[in-house]
Amino acid sequence: KRKLTKEEAQKEAEYARTLSQGRSLERLGKLDDARKLYEQLIASSPDRYEAYHRLGVVSDRQMRYLEAEALYTQAIRLNPTNPDLFNDLGYCYLLQGKPDKAERALLKAVGMSPATERYRNNLGLAYGFQGRYQDAMEQFRRAAGEADAWYNLAYVQWMRNDIDLSKQSLENALALNPSHTAARESLTQLCSGNSFFPEGVADNGA
């Protein structure tokens, strides 16, 4: 690898600093400010994937899913060996209700990094939303313990309006781990005819 010139090294450092600033703004929920920084980085270094990736994440959080999809796709063109990019593209497809497309992207992520639990969980969601509960369960098991796998399956079944199956899966989770608080709360919610999550609890699968 050749040594960078002083000017290149400065540009590199500036890029890293601005990217880090953008990440901090994301964590603070200042998404519009983060967006501006990432757009500047794309304009100044269009051949680097990182700002496309982070702007994609921001777009997802702002529910601008088609924009996010295009940004992840561009990031993948620039860096086709990064499993995080395929995972985030897959999750973006899940948010759009396109589980078959999500499956294709997530299989690539899992293929590159089979031990990453997040990728397995998201692939499980992609299978689950297609009604392929056994395939989903297999992925959830590889991502977490048996009780958590049943809990995740219960969430997918609830999303698909298979309420009785969802209750059964929550009971399975509690049989394996009686102190699984989330499963107990969700079962109480469902038995009362309420939503899967208690008020104020949001699910974030990314």
Protein backbone atom coordinates (compact mmCIF):
# COMPACT_ATOMS: atom_id res chain seq x y z
CA LYS A 1 0.00 0.00 0.00
CA ARG A 2 1.57 3.32 -1.03
CA LYS A 3 2.16 6.05 1.52
CA LEU A 4 -0.41 8.86 1.43
CA THR A 5 0.72 12.36 0.54
CA LYS A 6 0.32 14.97 3.24
CA GLU A 7 -2.73 16.38 1.45
CA GLU A 8 -4.35 12.92 1.11
CA ALA A 9 -3.68 12.16 4.78
CA GLN A 10 -5.35 15.43 5.77
CA LYS A 11 -8.37 14.67 3.58
CA GLU A 12 -8.56 11.18 5.11
CA ALA A 13 -8.47 12.58 8.65
CA GLU A 14 -11.11 15.20 7.80
CA TYR A 15 -13.40 12.52 6.33
CA ALA A 16 -13.06 10.34 9.43
CA ARG A 17 -13.70 13.33 11.72
CA THR A 18 -16.85 14.43 9.84
CA LEU A 19 -18.14 10.83 9.72
CA SER A 20 -17.67 10.52 13.47
CA GLN A 21 -19.49 13.84 13.98
CA GLY A 22 -22.38 12.51 11.91
CA ARG A 23 -22.55 9.35 14.04
CA SER A 24 -22.71 11.47 17.21
CA LEU A 25 -25.58 13.50 15.73
CA GLU A 26 -27.39 10.26 14.82
CA ARG A 27 -27.09 9.05 18.42
CA LEU A 28 -28.54 12.36 19.62
CA GLY A 29 -31.44 11.94 17.18
CA LYS A 30 -30.38 15.04 15.19
CA LEU A 31 -31.01 13.28 11.92
CA ASP A 32 -31.33 16.33 9.66
CA ASP A 33 -27.95 17.63 10.89
CA ALA A 34 -26.36 14.22 10.37
CA ARG A 35 -27.91 14.07 6.89
CA LYS A 36 -26.25 17.40 5.92
CA LEU A 37 -22.81 16.14 6.96
CA TYR A 38 -23.17 12.84 5.10
CA GLU A 39 -24.38 14.65 1.98
CA GLN A 40 -21.28 16.88 2.15
CA LEU A 41 -19.05 13.80 2.44
CA ILE A 42 -20.72 12.16 -0.57
CA ALA A 43 -20.20 15.33 -2.59
CA SER A 44 -16.52 15.59 -1.65
CA SER A 45 -15.68 11.82 -1.76
CA PRO A 46 -18.23 10.13 -4.05
CA ASP A 47 -16.07 6.98 -4.30
CA ARG A 48 -16.19 6.18 -0.57
CA TYR A 49 -18.95 3.94 0.75
CA GLU A 50 -19.19 5.01 4.40
CA ALA A 51 -21.27 8.19 3.98
CA TYR A 52 -23.72 6.42 1.63
CA HIS A 53 -24.15 3.74 4.31
CA ARG A 54 -24.74 6.16 7.18
CA LEU A 55 -27.08 8.35 5.10
CA GLY A 56 -29.00 5.15 4.30
CA VAL A 57 -29.42 4.47 8.03
CA VAL A 58 -30.61 8.05 8.58
CA SER A 59 -33.08 7.73 5.69
CA ASP A 60 -34.44 4.50 7.19
CA ARG A 61 -34.97 6.25 10.52
CA GLN A 62 -36.77 9.06 8.68
CA MET A 63 -38.93 6.46 6.89
CA ARG A 64 -37.50 7.45 3.50
CA TYR A 65 -37.14 3.80 2.58
CA LEU A 66 -36.67 4.02 -1.18
CA GLU A 67 -33.96 6.59 -0.71
CA ALA A 68 -32.30 4.35 1.90
CA GLU A 69 -32.48 1.38 -0.47
CA ALA A 70 -30.71 3.37 -3.23
CA LEU A 71 -28.01 4.54 -0.79
CA TYR A 72 -27.29 1.03 0.52
CA THR A 73 -27.16 -0.26 -3.06
CA GLN A 74 -24.59 2.40 -3.95
CA ALA A 75 -22.56 1.60 -0.82
CA ILE A 76 -22.58 -2.09 -1.84
CA ARG A 77 -21.34 -1.18 -5.33
CA LEU A 78 -18.39 0.58 -3.72
CA ASN A 79 -17.76 -2.10 -1.09
CA PRO A 80 -19.32 -5.44 -2.06
CA THR A 81 -17.63 -7.44 0.73
CA ASN A 82 -19.11 -5.64 3.75
CA PRO A 83 -21.86 -7.80 5.34
CA ASP A 84 -23.25 -4.85 7.34
CA LEU A 85 -24.35 -3.21 4.10
CA PHE A 86 -26.30 -6.29 3.00
CA ASN A 87 -27.82 -6.60 6.48
CA ASP A 88 -28.98 -2.99 6.48
CA LEU A 89 -30.33 -3.27 2.94
CA GLY A 90 -32.20 -6.41 4.01
CA TYR A 91 -33.64 -4.64 7.03
CA CYS A 92 -34.70 -1.74 4.80
CA TYR A 93 -36.64 -4.26 2.66
CA LEU A 94 -38.28 -5.65 5.83
CA LEU A 95 -39.41 -2.13 6.74
CA GLN A 96 -40.95 -1.84 3.27
CA GLY A 97 -42.81 -5.15 3.69
CA LYS A 98 -40.69 -6.95 1.06
CA PRO A 99 -39.50 -10.05 2.97
CA ASP A 100 -38.51 -11.99 -0.17
CA LYS A 101 -36.08 -9.23 -1.22
CA ALA A 102 -34.91 -8.94 2.39
CA GLU A 103 -34.16 -12.67 2.42
CA ARG A 104 -31.84 -12.40 -0.59
CA ALA A 105 -29.82 -9.53 0.92
CA LEU A 106 -29.68 -11.11 4.40
CA LEU A 107 -28.53 -14.48 3.05
CA LYS A 108 -25.52 -12.62 1.65
CA ALA A 109 -24.81 -10.99 5.03
CA VAL A 110 -25.10 -14.33 6.84
CA GLY A 111 -22.94 -16.01 4.19
CA MET A 112 -20.16 -13.49 4.82
CA SER A 113 -20.45 -13.52 8.60
CA PRO A 114 -22.32 -16.62 9.84
CA ALA A 115 -21.64 -15.92 13.53
CA THR A 116 -23.24 -12.44 13.62
CA GLU A 117 -26.47 -12.80 15.63
CA ARG A 118 -28.05 -9.63 14.25
CA TYR A 119 -27.88 -10.94 10.67
CA ARG A 120 -29.40 -14.29 11.73
CA ASN A 121 -32.21 -12.54 13.62
CA ASN A 122 -33.07 -10.37 10.64
CA LEU A 123 -32.99 -13.38 8.30
CA GLY A 124 -35.34 -15.08 10.76
CA LEU A 125 -37.69 -12.10 10.46
CA ALA A 126 -37.54 -12.31 6.65
CA TYR A 127 -38.51 -16.00 6.75
CA GLY A 128 -41.13 -15.42 9.45
CA PHE A 129 -42.88 -12.62 7.56
CA GLN A 130 -43.23 -15.04 4.64
CA GLY A 131 -44.97 -17.50 6.98
CA ARG A 132 -41.95 -19.85 6.96
CA TYR A 133 -41.95 -20.30 10.72
CA GLN A 134 -39.67 -23.34 10.84
CA ASP A 135 -36.97 -21.60 8.79
CA ALA A 136 -37.39 -18.52 10.97
CA MET A 137 -37.05 -20.56 14.15
CA GLU A 138 -33.85 -22.15 12.88
CA GLN A 139 -32.27 -18.69 12.40
CA PHE A 140 -33.56 -17.35 15.73
CA ARG A 141 -32.07 -20.39 17.51
CA ARG A 142 -28.69 -19.74 15.93
CA ALA A 143 -28.85 -16.11 17.04
CA ALA A 144 -29.97 -16.58 20.65
CA GLY A 145 -31.14 -19.06 23.27
CA GLU A 146 -34.19 -21.28 22.78
CA ALA A 147 -36.51 -19.11 24.91
CA ASP A 148 -35.53 -15.93 23.03
CA ALA A 149 -36.04 -17.77 19.74
CA TRP A 150 -39.63 -18.60 20.72
CA TYR A 151 -40.17 -15.00 21.80
CA ASN A 152 -38.92 -13.70 18.44
CA LEU A 153 -41.15 -16.17 16.61
CA ALA A 154 -44.11 -15.01 18.71
CA TYR A 155 -43.45 -11.42 17.60
CA VAL A 156 -43.46 -12.44 13.91
CA GLN A 157 -46.65 -14.46 14.37
CA TRP A 158 -48.33 -11.52 16.06
CA MET A 159 -47.26 -9.25 13.17
CA ARG A 160 -48.89 -11.75 10.78
CA ASN A 161 -52.04 -11.77 12.93
CA ASP A 162 -51.54 -15.43 13.96
CA ILE A 163 -52.49 -14.52 17.52
CA ASP A 164 -53.12 -18.06 18.85
CA LEU A 165 -49.78 -19.26 17.49
CA SER A 166 -48.11 -16.20 18.99
CA LYS A 167 -49.56 -16.99 22.43
CA GLN A 168 -48.41 -20.61 22.11
CA SER A 169 -44.87 -19.50 21.24
CA LEU A 170 -44.81 -17.14 24.25
CA GLU A 171 -45.94 -20.04 26.46
CA ASN A 172 -43.10 -22.14 25.02
CA ALA A 173 -40.63 -19.33 25.84
CA LEU A 174 -41.93 -19.16 29.43
CA ALA A 175 -41.84 -22.95 29.85
CA LEU A 176 -38.13 -22.82 28.98
CA ASN A 177 -37.40 -19.65 30.95
CA PRO A 178 -40.07 -18.73 33.54
CA SER A 179 -38.26 -15.46 34.30
CA HIS A 180 -38.44 -14.22 30.67
CA THR A 181 -40.05 -10.88 31.55
CA ALA A 182 -40.65 -9.73 27.96
CA ALA A 183 -42.46 -12.99 27.08
CA ARG A 184 -44.60 -12.77 30.22
CA GLU A 185 -45.55 -9.14 29.51
CA SER A 186 -46.36 -9.85 25.88
CA LEU A 187 -48.51 -12.87 26.81
CA THR A 188 -50.43 -10.74 29.32
CA GLN A 189 -50.90 -8.08 26.63
CA LEU A 190 -52.18 -10.57 24.03
CA CYS A 191 -54.52 -12.30 26.48
CA SER A 192 -56.05 -8.87 27.21
CA GLY A 193 -56.54 -8.24 23.49
CA ASN A 194 -53.79 -5.60 23.39
CA SER A 195 -50.67 -5.06 21.28
CA PHE A 196 -47.63 -7.36 21.62
CA PHE A 197 -45.56 -4.65 23.31
CA PRO A 198 -46.55 -2.79 26.45
CA GLU A 199 -47.24 0.92 25.83
CA GLY A 200 -44.12 2.92 25.09
CA VAL A 201 -41.93 -0.03 24.12
CA ALA A 202 -40.72 0.14 20.54
CA ASP A 203 -39.12 -2.74 18.67
CA ASN A 204 -35.86 -2.11 16.86
CA GLY A 205 -34.63 -5.09 14.89
CA ALA A 206 -31.79 -3.38 13.07
